[in-house]
């Protein structure tokens, strides 16, 4: 009787599957390093994890997507308001200050760089005593997408995300869901 070769193969598969469940995906691991760098660069900005953010009642939060309109059009967090990354702090305050009273303010972009920059520029100008807190969403929409959280577009629910560019798109764990433009 010949020895069964399938048992070692089966055990190898079990070990590999178990290992991949314990080790974070490459995109998430790299994104965590990017976030650490952003935290060092923007020390005055508070960050909020997606799981904590989701516990805030939607009536108590104002969400700002700090990406270009073309990125926002592909997908965004439900209820987010798109603002240009280049908006001045004066223009931001003039436009949005009144709607932020008593609210938790969340900024996000692709990975957190542009949103942390805007959060830092406006946090001193906002009446901090009037808000419940100002935060950057940890890992941005890329982390949100990597964790399979809900995204929307004008057409409704979507799984697509704009990668900003091909370099940053490597941080997305589902490259088949990358879109640079809306399907016609």
Protein backbone atom coordinates (compact mmCIF):
# COMPACT_ATOMS: atom_id res chain seq x y z
CA UNK A 1 0.00 0.00 0.00
CA UNK A 2 1.35 3.41 -1.01
CA UNK A 3 1.62 6.17 1.65
CA UNK A 4 -1.01 8.87 1.35
CA UNK A 5 0.51 12.08 -0.02
CA UNK A 6 -2.63 14.07 0.51
CA UNK A 7 -2.32 14.20 4.34
CA UNK A 8 0.87 16.34 4.35
CA UNK A 9 -0.71 18.57 1.71
CA UNK A 10 -3.86 18.85 3.82
CA UNK A 11 -1.83 19.72 6.94
CA UNK A 12 0.15 22.33 5.00
CA UNK A 13 -3.09 23.93 3.83
CA UNK A 14 -4.48 24.00 7.38
CA UNK A 15 -1.29 25.60 8.71
CA UNK A 16 -1.24 28.22 5.93
CA UNK A 17 -4.91 29.11 6.38
CA UNK A 18 -4.43 29.42 10.13
CA UNK A 19 -1.33 31.57 9.63
CA UNK A 20 -3.06 33.97 7.23
CA UNK A 21 -5.88 34.46 9.72
CA UNK A 22 -3.40 35.48 12.43
CA UNK A 23 -1.12 37.71 10.35
CA UNK A 24 -2.51 41.03 9.14
CA UNK A 25 -2.78 41.45 5.40
CA UNK A 26 0.06 43.32 3.74
CA UNK A 27 -2.11 46.35 2.93
CA UNK A 28 -3.30 46.69 6.53
CA UNK A 29 0.20 46.31 7.95
CA UNK A 30 1.58 48.97 5.62
CA UNK A 31 -1.40 51.23 6.32
CA UNK A 32 -0.75 50.96 10.06
CA UNK A 33 2.82 52.17 9.47
CA UNK A 34 1.52 55.08 7.39
CA UNK A 35 -0.87 55.97 10.21
CA UNK A 36 1.96 55.92 12.76
CA UNK A 37 3.87 58.37 10.58
CA UNK A 38 0.81 60.62 10.28
CA UNK A 39 0.36 60.62 14.07
CA UNK A 40 3.98 61.75 14.47
CA UNK A 41 3.57 64.49 11.87
CA UNK A 42 0.27 65.81 13.28
CA UNK A 43 0.80 65.44 17.03
CA UNK A 44 -2.03 67.80 17.98
CA UNK A 45 -4.66 65.84 16.03
CA UNK A 46 -6.72 63.20 17.81
CA UNK A 47 -7.48 60.02 15.89
CA UNK A 48 -10.49 57.76 16.14
CA UNK A 49 -10.73 54.09 15.18
CA UNK A 50 -13.52 53.02 12.85
CA UNK A 51 -15.08 50.76 15.49
CA UNK A 52 -15.34 53.64 17.99
CA UNK A 53 -16.56 56.05 15.32
CA UNK A 54 -19.41 53.69 14.43
CA UNK A 55 -20.71 53.85 18.02
CA UNK A 56 -21.42 57.59 17.76
CA UNK A 57 -25.07 58.24 16.83
CA UNK A 58 -25.28 59.70 13.32
CA UNK A 59 -27.20 62.73 14.62
CA UNK A 60 -24.22 63.61 16.84
CA UNK A 61 -21.52 63.60 14.16
CA UNK A 62 -20.49 65.67 11.14
CA UNK A 63 -18.23 63.83 8.70
CA UNK A 64 -15.90 65.59 6.27
CA UNK A 65 -14.36 63.76 3.32
CA UNK A 66 -11.13 65.64 2.57
CA UNK A 67 -10.48 64.21 -0.88
CA UNK A 68 -10.95 65.52 -4.38
CA UNK A 69 -14.43 65.41 -5.88
CA UNK A 70 -13.42 62.59 -8.28
CA UNK A 71 -12.40 60.41 -5.31
CA UNK A 72 -15.59 61.25 -3.39
CA UNK A 73 -17.72 60.40 -6.44
CA UNK A 74 -16.44 56.80 -6.50
CA UNK A 75 -17.30 56.22 -2.83
CA UNK A 76 -17.50 57.85 0.56
CA UNK A 77 -18.84 57.27 4.03
CA UNK A 78 -22.58 57.73 4.28
CA UNK A 79 -23.47 61.28 5.27
CA UNK A 80 -20.02 62.70 4.53
CA UNK A 81 -19.61 66.21 3.18
CA UNK A 82 -16.88 66.60 0.58
CA UNK A 83 -14.44 69.46 1.16
CA UNK A 84 -11.40 70.28 -0.90
CA UNK A 85 -8.09 69.42 0.76
CA UNK A 86 -7.00 72.95 -0.19
CA UNK A 87 -9.85 74.74 1.61
CA UNK A 88 -8.54 77.50 3.82
CA UNK A 89 -9.25 77.33 7.53
CA UNK A 90 -11.04 80.68 7.23
CA UNK A 91 -13.35 79.38 4.48
CA UNK A 92 -13.97 76.13 6.36
CA UNK A 93 -14.95 77.99 9.54
CA UNK A 94 -17.10 80.48 7.65
CA UNK A 95 -18.95 77.67 5.86
CA UNK A 96 -19.33 75.01 8.55
CA UNK A 97 -18.82 76.45 12.04
CA UNK A 98 -22.52 76.84 12.90
CA UNK A 99 -23.40 73.26 12.00
CA UNK A 100 -20.68 71.85 14.29
CA UNK A 101 -22.04 73.03 17.64
CA UNK A 102 -22.47 70.04 19.94
CA UNK A 103 -21.23 67.62 17.28
CA UNK A 104 -18.32 65.24 17.02
CA UNK A 105 -16.35 66.28 13.94
CA UNK A 106 -14.67 63.53 11.92
CA UNK A 107 -12.27 64.19 9.05
CA UNK A 108 -11.05 61.47 6.69
CA UNK A 109 -9.27 61.10 3.37
CA UNK A 110 -7.57 58.13 1.71
CA UNK A 111 -5.09 57.32 4.49
CA UNK A 112 -5.30 60.29 6.87
CA UNK A 113 -2.68 62.72 5.57
CA UNK A 114 -4.93 65.36 3.98
CA UNK A 115 -7.61 65.01 6.64
CA UNK A 116 -5.11 65.34 9.49
CA UNK A 117 -3.71 68.44 7.82
CA UNK A 118 -7.16 70.05 7.62
CA UNK A 119 -8.08 68.97 11.16
CA UNK A 120 -4.88 70.55 12.45
CA UNK A 121 -5.46 73.78 10.50
CA UNK A 122 -9.04 74.28 11.75
CA UNK A 123 -9.06 72.83 15.27
CA UNK A 124 -7.77 75.99 16.93
CA UNK A 125 -10.18 78.16 14.95
CA UNK A 126 -13.22 76.07 15.79
CA UNK A 127 -14.84 76.82 19.09
CA UNK A 128 -13.58 73.59 20.67
CA UNK A 129 -15.89 74.04 23.63
CA UNK A 130 -18.82 73.99 21.19
CA UNK A 131 -17.87 70.65 19.59
CA UNK A 132 -17.84 67.25 21.24
CA UNK A 133 -14.45 66.53 19.70
CA UNK A 134 -12.46 66.80 16.50
CA UNK A 135 -10.90 63.64 15.09
CA UNK A 136 -9.15 62.17 12.09
CA UNK A 137 -10.46 58.73 11.09
CA UNK A 138 -7.57 56.32 11.65
CA UNK A 139 -6.43 54.82 8.35
CA UNK A 140 -8.96 56.85 6.36
CA UNK A 141 -11.29 55.37 3.79
CA UNK A 142 -8.62 52.79 2.88
CA UNK A 143 -8.78 51.22 6.33
CA UNK A 144 -12.58 51.51 6.27
CA UNK A 145 -12.62 49.68 2.92
CA UNK A 146 -10.07 47.07 4.06
CA UNK A 147 -12.34 46.28 7.02
CA UNK A 148 -15.29 45.76 4.62
CA UNK A 149 -17.31 48.60 6.12
CA UNK A 150 -20.16 50.22 4.19
CA UNK A 151 -19.43 52.77 1.48
CA UNK A 152 -21.82 54.69 -0.72
CA UNK A 153 -21.82 56.66 -3.94
CA UNK A 154 -24.51 58.77 -5.55
CA UNK A 155 -25.95 55.52 -6.98
CA UNK A 156 -26.17 53.83 -3.55
CA UNK A 157 -24.11 51.18 -1.77
CA UNK A 158 -20.77 50.35 -3.38
CA UNK A 159 -17.63 48.32 -2.76
CA UNK A 160 -15.45 50.51 -4.98
CA UNK A 161 -12.85 52.94 -3.75
CA UNK A 162 -10.61 55.48 -5.51
CA UNK A 163 -6.94 54.65 -4.79
CA UNK A 164 -5.68 58.27 -5.10
CA UNK A 165 -2.88 56.86 -7.30
CA UNK A 166 -1.25 53.51 -8.03
CA UNK A 167 1.35 53.92 -5.27
CA UNK A 168 -1.21 54.48 -2.50
CA UNK A 169 -3.57 51.95 -4.06
CA UNK A 170 -1.17 49.22 -2.90
CA UNK A 171 -2.57 49.79 0.60
CA UNK A 172 -5.96 48.48 -0.50
CA UNK A 173 -6.49 44.79 0.13
CA UNK A 174 -9.06 44.29 -2.61
CA UNK A 175 -7.44 45.72 -5.75
CA UNK A 176 -10.32 44.46 -7.87
CA UNK A 177 -12.48 47.11 -6.17
CA UNK A 178 -10.29 50.03 -7.30
CA UNK A 179 -11.93 52.58 -9.59
CA UNK A 180 -10.49 55.81 -10.95
CA UNK A 181 -13.73 56.95 -12.54
CA UNK A 182 -17.41 56.20 -12.44
CA UNK A 183 -18.72 53.53 -14.77
CA UNK A 184 -20.98 54.99 -17.44
